[in-house]
Amino acid sequence: MTASAGKDVVGLSWNIVPDATGYQVYRWNPDTHAYEKLAATTQTSYADTGAPPATTHHYWVTARYADGTESAPGADYAILTP
């Protein structure tokens, strides 16, 4: 996964996963000490417009398959928003 931070947005992108029908995007919530699902998408990118500024954010992406299963998350990605 790659990420870029701009004013009021974090752009995430990742490689296509063969046989995946979609992806789940998660962000770490320091208040609950857990990753929380932000979105489900069929694209290999996502724009997080709810990321607070001047904060480090951690993301996971998983692949969804036609049988309803979800892959293990990819590596955690951290980015500091301006």
C-alpha atoms as a PDB file:
ATOM      1  CA  MET A   1       0.000   0.000   0.000  1.00  0.00           C
ATOM      2  CA  THR A   2       1.055   3.571  -0.574  1.00  0.00           C
ATOM      3  CA  ALA A   3      -0.365   6.708   0.931  1.00  0.00           C
ATOM      4  CA  SER A   4      -0.121  10.437   0.479  1.00  0.00           C
ATOM      5  CA  ALA A   5      -1.380  13.096   2.834  1.00  0.00           C
ATOM      6  CA  GLY A   6      -2.757  16.434   1.819  1.00  0.00           C
ATOM      7  CA  LYS A   7      -4.896  19.073   3.435  1.00  0.00           C
ATOM      8  CA  ASP A   8      -7.966  17.264   4.821  1.00  0.00           C
ATOM      9  CA  VAL A   9      -7.353  13.993   2.921  1.00  0.00           C
ATOM     10  CA  VAL A  10      -5.216  10.857   2.968  1.00  0.00           C
ATOM     11  CA  GLY A  11      -5.040   9.066  -0.374  1.00  0.00           C
ATOM     12  CA  LEU A  12      -4.460   5.315  -0.185  1.00  0.00           C
ATOM     13  CA  SER A  13      -3.712   2.917  -3.028  1.00  0.00           C
ATOM     14  CA  TRP A  14      -2.751  -0.748  -3.243  1.00  0.00           C
ATOM     15  CA  ASN A  15      -2.137  -3.527  -5.737  1.00  0.00           C
ATOM     16  CA  ILE A  16      -4.965  -5.583  -7.143  1.00  0.00           C
ATOM     17  CA  VAL A  17      -5.531  -8.942  -5.413  1.00  0.00           C
ATOM     18  CA  PRO A  18      -6.374 -11.780  -7.829  1.00  0.00           C
ATOM     19  CA  ASP A  19      -9.900 -13.192  -7.324  1.00  0.00           C
ATOM     20  CA  ALA A  20     -10.891 -10.353  -4.962  1.00  0.00           C
ATOM     21  CA  THR A  21     -14.350  -8.885  -5.514  1.00  0.00           C
ATOM     22  CA  GLY A  22     -13.606  -5.834  -3.369  1.00  0.00           C
ATOM     23  CA  TYR A  23     -11.595  -4.390  -0.529  1.00  0.00           C
ATOM     24  CA  GLN A  24     -12.183  -3.209   3.052  1.00  0.00           C
ATOM     25  CA  VAL A  25     -10.299  -0.158   4.311  1.00  0.00           C
ATOM     26  CA  TYR A  26      -9.613   0.176   8.047  1.00  0.00           C
ATOM     27  CA  ARG A  27      -8.103   2.986  10.156  1.00  0.00           C
ATOM     28  CA  TRP A  28      -6.759   2.694  13.696  1.00  0.00           C
ATOM     29  CA  ASN A  29      -8.887   4.481  16.287  1.00  0.00           C
ATOM     30  CA  PRO A  30      -6.749   5.466  19.303  1.00  0.00           C
ATOM     31  CA  ASP A  31      -9.869   6.011  21.430  1.00  0.00           C
ATOM     32  CA  THR A  32     -11.068   2.408  21.071  1.00  0.00           C
ATOM     33  CA  HIS A  33      -7.596   0.877  20.538  1.00  0.00           C
ATOM     34  CA  ALA A  34      -8.848  -0.989  17.466  1.00  0.00           C
ATOM     35  CA  TYR A  35      -8.933  -0.822  13.692  1.00  0.00           C
ATOM     36  CA  GLU A  36     -12.352   0.322  12.478  1.00  0.00           C
ATOM     37  CA  LYS A  37     -13.759  -0.157   8.991  1.00  0.00           C
ATOM     38  CA  LEU A  38     -13.889   3.079   7.003  1.00  0.00           C
ATOM     39  CA  ALA A  39     -15.196   1.796   3.701  1.00  0.00           C
ATOM     40  CA  ALA A  40     -15.832  -1.059   1.335  1.00  0.00           C
ATOM     41  CA  THR A  41     -14.734  -0.460  -2.260  1.00  0.00           C
ATOM     42  CA  THR A  42     -14.170  -2.309  -5.511  1.00  0.00           C
ATOM     43  CA  GLN A  43     -11.384   0.118  -6.443  1.00  0.00           C
ATOM     44  CA  THR A  44      -7.688  -0.186  -5.557  1.00  0.00           C
ATOM     45  CA  SER A  45      -7.674   3.255  -3.993  1.00  0.00           C
ATOM     46  CA  TYR A  46      -9.522   5.209  -1.334  1.00  0.00           C
ATOM     47  CA  ALA A  47      -9.558   8.843  -0.174  1.00  0.00           C
ATOM     48  CA  ASP A  48      -9.959   9.239   3.592  1.00  0.00           C
ATOM     49  CA  THR A  49     -11.452  12.697   4.016  1.00  0.00           C
ATOM     50  CA  GLY A  50     -12.152  12.176   7.726  1.00  0.00           C
ATOM     51  CA  ALA A  51      -8.553  11.929   8.918  1.00  0.00           C
ATOM     52  CA  PRO A  52      -7.866  14.665  11.497  1.00  0.00           C
ATOM     53  CA  PRO A  53      -4.906  16.933  10.651  1.00  0.00           C
ATOM     54  CA  ALA A  54      -1.507  16.880  12.379  1.00  0.00           C
ATOM     55  CA  THR A  55      -1.995  13.259  13.426  1.00  0.00           C
ATOM     56  CA  THR A  56      -0.372   9.965  12.515  1.00  0.00           C
ATOM     57  CA  HIS A  57      -2.900   7.536  11.035  1.00  0.00           C
ATOM     58  CA  HIS A  58      -2.541   3.778  10.634  1.00  0.00           C
ATOM     59  CA  TYR A  59      -4.352   1.881   7.885  1.00  0.00           C
ATOM     60  CA  TRP A  60      -5.075  -1.711   6.897  1.00  0.00           C
ATOM     61  CA  VAL A  61      -6.636  -3.016   3.705  1.00  0.00           C
ATOM     62  CA  THR A  62      -8.146  -6.475   3.268  1.00  0.00           C
ATOM     63  CA  ALA A  63      -9.471  -8.251   0.184  1.00  0.00           C
ATOM     64  CA  ARG A  64     -13.054  -9.547   0.012  1.00  0.00           C
ATOM     65  CA  TYR A  65     -13.921 -12.657  -1.988  1.00  0.00           C
ATOM     66  CA  ALA A  66     -17.099 -13.887  -3.700  1.00  0.00           C
ATOM     67  CA  ASP A  67     -17.699 -16.497  -0.977  1.00  0.00           C
ATOM     68  CA  GLY A  68     -17.951 -13.745   1.645  1.00  0.00           C
ATOM     69  CA  THR A  69     -14.556 -14.313   3.230  1.00  0.00           C
ATOM     70  CA  GLU A  70     -12.020 -11.593   3.913  1.00  0.00           C
ATOM     71  CA  SER A  71      -8.240 -11.897   3.693  1.00  0.00           C
ATOM     72  CA  ALA A  72      -5.884 -11.154   6.533  1.00  0.00           C
ATOM     73  CA  PRO A  73      -4.898  -7.471   6.503  1.00  0.00           C
ATOM     74  CA  GLY A  74      -1.869  -6.345   4.621  1.00  0.00           C
ATOM     75  CA  ALA A  75       0.947  -4.603   6.411  1.00  0.00           C
ATOM     76  CA  ASP A  76       0.008  -1.610   8.543  1.00  0.00           C
ATOM     77  CA  TYR A  77       0.684   1.707   6.834  1.00  0.00           C
ATOM     78  CA  ALA A  78       1.269   4.847   8.875  1.00  0.00           C
ATOM     79  CA  ILE A  79       1.164   8.417   7.584  1.00  0.00           C
ATOM     80  CA  LEU A  80       1.308  11.848   9.243  1.00  0.00           C
ATOM     81  CA  THR A  81      -1.285  14.341   8.037  1.00  0.00           C
ATOM     82  CA  PRO A  82      -0.201  17.968   7.661  1.00  0.00           C
END
